[in-house]
């Protein structure tokens, strides 16, 4: 009976020792670090360690194909994730989480219930499936949160751009000014406008820079904004008039979305009202009356009996 715990102890010890030897920096790496230390050694050490851990694990799940221009990379950009090693952490999580959640479910079920056989296997498969799709869910909510922030603040940015253009600034200078001013309200929108300005300064055309802005944000209204500015620049129409019409339409869309969300509130409140609030109110209102009726009727029935 003692051989099984001994083998488990030896396996865990060997695994920890191998992990330490793998993650520990070699003598050459230590000398290079001493000769050319980084500006933030703690951050770089953590990043390098995370990359070393996530790299081999990600190879088990990373799909084949080009990363640049892929749909997943576009989703990462929509979420504001631009680190080159982000996909390694993503696919490493998709590899490790199913095993971790399945193991946790196994030990929890063995400790709290007598599930076994097909029932236990079903629960383990459900836990592993949750672990597979949990990174997708986190990425989805990150994309939706960032897109909502940008959409809600973009009408104000369009108004600021209209003021800058009418004050005599060019479109490029107006984008730079709007990016600086909108930072106080929306960091995500300010970062996207700053990247657009950097692209135009690097030599990219205004049309391409605005198209990249629409792709990075993934918002339909910003794509319309890019098309509108491109057509106004190409056909020589007034940019200020186009911006005024666009900002009015965008503000109306934001108001419509707010009204739609407000109209959904009664429906969303229906189930909590029926399940939690109404029973409590009924108990508070009818509770004393029910107690009085019971106290009155029980002696009568007892006397008849």
Protein backbone atom coordinates (compact mmCIF):
# COMPACT_ATOMS: atom_id res chain seq x y z
CA UNK A 1 0.00 0.00 0.00
CA UNK A 2 2.95 2.35 0.59
CA UNK A 3 4.36 1.89 -2.90
CA UNK A 4 1.70 4.05 -4.58
CA UNK A 5 2.27 7.23 -2.45
CA UNK A 6 6.02 6.73 -2.84
CA UNK A 7 5.75 6.57 -6.63
CA UNK A 8 3.51 9.66 -6.68
CA UNK A 9 6.01 11.54 -4.49
CA UNK A 10 8.92 10.57 -6.76
CA UNK A 11 7.01 11.55 -9.92
CA UNK A 12 6.04 14.96 -8.50
CA UNK A 13 9.60 15.59 -7.27
CA UNK A 14 11.13 14.71 -10.62
CA UNK A 15 8.59 16.91 -12.43
CA UNK A 16 9.31 19.89 -10.18
CA UNK A 17 13.05 19.44 -10.57
CA UNK A 18 12.74 19.26 -14.37
CA UNK A 19 10.55 22.36 -14.40
CA UNK A 20 13.07 24.26 -12.26
CA UNK A 21 15.99 23.25 -14.47
CA UNK A 22 14.03 24.21 -17.58
CA UNK A 23 12.94 27.62 -16.31
CA UNK A 24 16.16 28.56 -14.53
CA UNK A 25 18.42 30.79 -16.66
CA UNK A 26 21.58 29.24 -17.97
CA UNK A 27 25.06 30.57 -17.18
CA UNK A 28 25.23 32.25 -20.60
CA UNK A 29 21.89 33.97 -20.06
CA UNK A 30 23.04 35.17 -16.64
CA UNK A 31 26.20 36.66 -18.13
CA UNK A 32 24.23 38.39 -20.91
CA UNK A 33 21.83 39.79 -18.33
CA UNK A 34 24.74 41.08 -16.26
CA UNK A 35 26.38 42.72 -19.29
CA UNK A 36 23.18 44.27 -20.71
CA UNK A 37 20.50 44.48 -18.01
CA UNK A 38 17.03 45.43 -19.14
CA UNK A 39 15.21 48.60 -18.09
CA UNK A 40 12.61 46.64 -16.12
CA UNK A 41 14.28 43.36 -15.07
CA UNK A 42 11.36 42.10 -12.99
CA UNK A 43 8.83 42.62 -15.77
CA UNK A 44 11.11 41.12 -18.42
CA UNK A 45 11.86 38.12 -16.19
CA UNK A 46 8.17 37.46 -15.63
CA UNK A 47 7.45 37.88 -19.35
CA UNK A 48 10.25 35.54 -20.32
CA UNK A 49 9.16 32.96 -17.75
CA UNK A 50 5.55 33.12 -18.94
CA UNK A 51 6.72 32.75 -22.53
CA UNK A 52 8.82 29.72 -21.67
CA UNK A 53 5.92 28.07 -19.86
CA UNK A 54 3.24 28.92 -22.41
CA UNK A 55 5.27 28.17 -25.54
CA UNK A 56 5.47 24.36 -25.31
CA UNK A 57 1.92 24.11 -24.00
CA UNK A 58 0.59 26.29 -26.82
CA UNK A 59 2.18 24.06 -29.46
CA UNK A 60 -0.32 21.34 -28.55
CA UNK A 61 -3.31 23.49 -29.53
CA UNK A 62 -2.05 26.24 -31.85
CA UNK A 63 -3.50 25.80 -35.36
CA UNK A 64 -1.34 25.68 -38.43
CA UNK A 65 -1.39 28.66 -40.74
CA UNK A 66 -0.25 32.23 -40.92
CA UNK A 67 -0.86 34.32 -37.81
CA UNK A 68 -0.72 37.69 -39.57
CA UNK A 69 -4.12 38.56 -41.00
CA UNK A 70 -5.92 35.70 -39.29
CA UNK A 71 -9.36 36.10 -37.77
CA UNK A 72 -8.10 35.32 -34.26
CA UNK A 73 -5.42 38.01 -34.47
CA UNK A 74 -8.12 40.45 -35.54
CA UNK A 75 -10.15 39.46 -32.47
CA UNK A 76 -7.11 40.10 -30.32
CA UNK A 77 -6.74 43.55 -31.88
CA UNK A 78 -10.43 44.24 -31.26
CA UNK A 79 -9.82 43.41 -27.60
CA UNK A 80 -6.81 45.72 -27.47
CA UNK A 81 -4.27 42.87 -27.11
CA UNK A 82 -1.23 43.53 -29.28
CA UNK A 83 1.51 41.59 -27.49
CA UNK A 84 3.23 39.15 -29.87
CA UNK A 85 3.12 36.33 -27.29
CA UNK A 86 -0.58 36.75 -26.50
CA UNK A 87 -1.60 33.82 -28.68
CA UNK A 88 0.83 31.57 -26.79
CA UNK A 89 -0.92 32.40 -23.51
CA UNK A 90 -4.31 31.94 -25.20
CA UNK A 91 -3.61 28.48 -26.61
CA UNK A 92 -1.72 27.45 -23.48
CA UNK A 93 -4.83 28.28 -21.47
CA UNK A 94 -6.95 26.24 -23.89
CA UNK A 95 -4.55 23.33 -23.29
CA UNK A 96 -4.20 23.54 -19.51
CA UNK A 97 -7.68 24.61 -18.40
CA UNK A 98 -9.50 21.44 -19.58
CA UNK A 99 -7.06 19.28 -17.62
CA UNK A 100 -7.21 21.48 -14.52
CA UNK A 101 -11.01 21.75 -14.49
CA UNK A 102 -11.45 18.03 -15.21
CA UNK A 103 -9.07 17.15 -12.35
CA UNK A 104 -10.82 19.58 -9.99
CA UNK A 105 -14.22 18.14 -10.95
CA UNK A 106 -12.94 14.61 -10.43
CA UNK A 107 -11.63 15.26 -6.90
CA UNK A 108 -14.72 17.30 -5.98
CA UNK A 109 -17.12 14.60 -7.18
CA UNK A 110 -15.18 11.85 -5.45
CA UNK A 111 -15.24 13.83 -2.20
CA UNK A 112 -18.86 14.98 -2.24
CA UNK A 113 -20.80 12.30 -4.15
CA UNK A 114 -20.69 8.70 -5.26
CA UNK A 115 -20.66 9.45 -8.99
CA UNK A 116 -18.92 6.77 -11.01
CA UNK A 117 -18.91 5.18 -14.41
CA UNK A 118 -20.69 6.97 -17.23
CA UNK A 119 -22.04 9.68 -14.91
CA UNK A 120 -18.55 10.59 -13.69
CA UNK A 121 -17.21 10.55 -17.24
CA UNK A 122 -20.01 12.87 -18.36
CA UNK A 123 -19.21 15.41 -15.63
CA UNK A 124 -15.51 15.28 -16.48
CA UNK A 125 -16.26 15.86 -20.16
CA UNK A 126 -18.47 18.85 -19.30
CA UNK A 127 -15.72 20.34 -17.11
CA UNK A 128 -13.13 19.84 -19.85
CA UNK A 129 -15.46 21.40 -22.41
CA UNK A 130 -15.91 24.44 -20.17
CA UNK A 131 -12.12 24.73 -19.91
CA UNK A 132 -11.78 24.63 -23.71
CA UNK A 133 -14.28 27.41 -24.33
CA UNK A 134 -13.49 29.58 -21.30
CA UNK A 135 -10.68 31.53 -23.08
CA UNK A 136 -13.06 32.15 -26.00
CA UNK A 137 -15.65 33.53 -23.59
CA UNK A 138 -13.12 35.80 -21.86
CA UNK A 139 -11.91 37.11 -25.22
CA UNK A 140 -15.51 37.66 -26.38
CA UNK A 141 -16.40 39.75 -23.33
CA UNK A 142 -13.14 41.72 -23.64
CA UNK A 143 -13.95 42.55 -27.27
CA UNK A 144 -17.54 43.54 -26.48
CA UNK A 145 -16.50 45.72 -23.53
CA UNK A 146 -13.87 47.58 -25.55
CA UNK A 147 -16.14 48.03 -28.57
CA UNK A 148 -18.89 49.40 -26.36
CA UNK A 149 -16.50 51.89 -24.75
CA UNK A 150 -15.25 53.09 -28.14
CA UNK A 151 -18.76 53.33 -29.61
CA UNK A 152 -20.12 55.33 -26.69
CA UNK A 153 -17.25 57.83 -26.83
CA UNK A 154 -16.84 58.11 -30.58
CA UNK A 155 -19.69 60.66 -31.05
CA UNK A 156 -17.85 63.02 -28.68
CA UNK A 157 -14.66 62.45 -30.66
CA UNK A 158 -16.51 63.26 -33.89
CA UNK A 159 -17.82 66.49 -32.34
CA UNK A 160 -14.30 67.44 -31.24
CA UNK A 161 -13.01 66.72 -34.71
CA UNK A 162 -15.74 68.91 -36.20
CA UNK A 163 -14.73 71.76 -33.89
CA UNK A 164 -11.07 71.33 -34.84
CA UNK A 165 -11.81 71.30 -38.59
CA UNK A 166 -14.07 74.34 -38.36
CA UNK A 167 -11.37 76.13 -36.35
CA UNK A 168 -8.97 75.76 -39.29
CA UNK A 169 -6.98 72.64 -38.44
CA UNK A 170 -6.33 69.99 -41.04
CA UNK A 171 -7.74 66.50 -40.72
CA UNK A 172 -4.42 64.98 -39.60
CA UNK A 173 -3.85 67.70 -37.01
CA UNK A 174 -7.47 67.35 -35.92
CA UNK A 175 -7.05 63.62 -35.35
CA UNK A 176 -3.94 64.28 -33.27
CA UNK A 177 -5.74 66.89 -31.15
CA UNK A 178 -8.80 64.69 -30.67
CA UNK A 179 -6.59 61.77 -29.63
CA UNK A 180 -4.97 63.92 -26.96
CA UNK A 181 -8.22 65.34 -25.61
CA UNK A 182 -10.32 62.16 -25.67
CA UNK A 183 -7.73 60.31 -23.56
CA UNK A 184 -9.31 61.77 -20.41
CA UNK A 185 -12.56 59.98 -21.19
CA UNK A 186 -11.62 56.86 -23.19
CA UNK A 187 -8.16 55.35 -23.11
CA UNK A 188 -9.02 52.75 -25.76
CA UNK A 189 -10.25 55.29 -28.32
CA UNK A 190 -7.23 57.51 -27.65
CA UNK A 191 -4.87 54.59 -28.30
CA UNK A 192 -6.56 53.75 -31.60
CA UNK A 193 -6.43 57.35 -32.81
CA UNK A 194 -2.80 57.58 -31.75
CA UNK A 195 -1.96 54.46 -33.78
CA UNK A 196 -3.77 55.98 -36.77
CA UNK A 197 -1.69 59.15 -36.46
CA UNK A 198 1.50 57.10 -36.23
CA UNK A 199 0.58 55.18 -39.39
CA UNK A 200 -0.01 58.41 -41.33
CA UNK A 201 3.28 59.87 -40.05
CA UNK A 202 5.08 56.70 -41.11
CA UNK A 203 3.98 57.24 -44.70
CA UNK A 204 0.72 55.28 -44.99
CA UNK A 205 -2.11 56.90 -46.89
CA UNK A 206 -5.00 58.39 -45.00
CA UNK A 207 -7.44 55.91 -46.56
CA UNK A 208 -5.36 52.92 -45.50
CA UNK A 209 -4.83 54.29 -41.98
CA UNK A 210 -8.56 54.87 -41.50
CA UNK A 211 -9.34 51.40 -42.86
CA UNK A 212 -6.89 49.91 -40.37
CA UNK A 213 -8.62 51.91 -37.63
CA UNK A 214 -11.95 50.34 -38.59
CA UNK A 215 -10.39 46.85 -38.65
CA UNK A 216 -8.69 47.25 -35.26
CA UNK A 217 -11.87 48.41 -33.56
CA UNK A 218 -14.32 46.14 -35.40
CA UNK A 219 -17.10 48.75 -35.17
CA UNK A 220 -19.35 49.31 -38.17
CA UNK A 221 -19.79 53.02 -37.48
CA UNK A 222 -16.04 53.63 -37.57
CA UNK A 223 -15.92 51.86 -40.93
CA UNK A 224 -18.61 54.27 -42.12
CA UNK A 225 -16.54 57.13 -40.71
CA UNK A 226 -13.49 55.98 -42.67
CA UNK A 227 -15.50 55.65 -45.88
CA UNK A 228 -17.05 59.09 -45.37
CA UNK A 229 -13.70 60.84 -44.86
CA UNK A 230 -12.15 58.98 -47.81
CA UNK A 231 -14.97 59.98 -50.15
CA UNK A 232 -14.96 63.57 -48.90
CA UNK A 233 -11.22 63.77 -49.50
CA UNK A 234 -11.47 62.13 -52.91
CA UNK A 235 -14.41 64.13 -54.31
CA UNK A 236 -13.56 67.44 -52.67
CA UNK A 237 -16.70 67.83 -50.58
CA UNK A 238 -16.75 69.76 -47.31
CA UNK A 239 -15.29 67.68 -44.49
CA UNK A 240 -16.98 69.82 -41.84
CA UNK A 241 -20.44 69.27 -43.35
CA UNK A 242 -19.79 65.54 -43.61
CA UNK A 243 -18.60 65.40 -40.00
CA UNK A 244 -21.66 67.33 -38.82
CA UNK A 245 -24.07 64.93 -40.53
CA UNK A 246 -22.10 61.91 -39.35
CA UNK A 247 -21.91 63.08 -35.72
CA UNK A 248 -25.66 63.76 -35.66
CA UNK A 249 -26.39 60.30 -37.05
CA UNK A 250 -23.95 58.66 -34.64
CA UNK A 251 -25.45 60.48 -31.67
CA UNK A 252 -28.91 59.33 -32.78
CA UNK A 253 -27.68 55.71 -32.96
CA UNK A 254 -26.25 55.99 -29.46
CA UNK A 255 -29.58 57.32 -28.20
CA UNK A 256 -31.46 54.50 -29.94
CA UNK A 257 -29.20 51.92 -28.31
CA UNK A 258 -29.75 53.48 -24.91
CA UNK A 259 -33.53 53.44 -25.44
CA UNK A 260 -33.37 49.81 -26.58
CA UNK A 261 -31.42 48.84 -23.47
CA UNK A 262 -33.92 50.73 -21.30
CA UNK A 263 -36.84 48.96 -23.00
CA UNK A 264 -35.30 45.57 -22.13
CA UNK A 265 -35.11 46.37 -18.41
CA UNK A 266 -38.75 45.42 -17.53
CA UNK A 267 -38.36 42.04 -19.23
CA UNK A 268 -35.07 41.37 -17.45
CA UNK A 269 -36.62 42.34 -14.10
CA UNK A 270 -39.60 40.03 -14.56
CA UNK A 271 -37.88 36.82 -13.41
CA UNK A 272 -36.24 38.31 -10.28
CA UNK A 273 -39.56 39.91 -9.35
CA UNK A 274 -41.50 36.67 -9.74
CA UNK A 275 -38.93 34.42 -8.09
CA UNK A 276 -37.60 36.58 -5.24
CA UNK A 277 -39.48 39.83 -4.62
CA UNK A 278 -43.14 38.84 -5.04
CA UNK A 279 -42.93 35.83 -2.66
CA UNK A 280 -41.32 38.03 -0.01
CA UNK A 281 -43.99 40.71 -0.42
CA UNK A 282 -46.76 38.12 -0.23
CA UNK A 283 -45.28 36.63 2.92
CA UNK A 284 -44.98 40.05 4.56
CA UNK A 285 -48.53 41.08 3.60
CA UNK A 286 -50.40 37.81 4.13
CA UNK A 287 -48.17 36.29 6.84
CA UNK A 288 -49.89 37.91 9.87
CA UNK A 289 -53.35 37.14 8.46
CA UNK A 290 -52.44 33.50 7.85
CA UNK A 291 -51.05 33.17 11.40
CA UNK A 292 -54.22 34.67 12.86
CA UNK A 293 -56.45 32.36 10.81
CA UNK A 294 -54.44 29.32 11.89
CA UNK A 295 -54.59 30.33 15.55
CA UNK A 296 -58.36 30.77 15.27
CA UNK A 297 -59.23 27.63 13.32
CA UNK A 298 -56.99 25.11 15.07
CA UNK A 299 -58.86 25.37 18.45
CA UNK A 300 -62.19 25.06 16.63
CA UNK A 301 -61.14 21.89 14.85
CA UNK A 302 -59.62 20.55 18.05
CA UNK A 303 -62.84 21.17 19.94
CA UNK A 304 -64.94 19.41 17.32
CA UNK A 305 -62.60 16.51 17.33
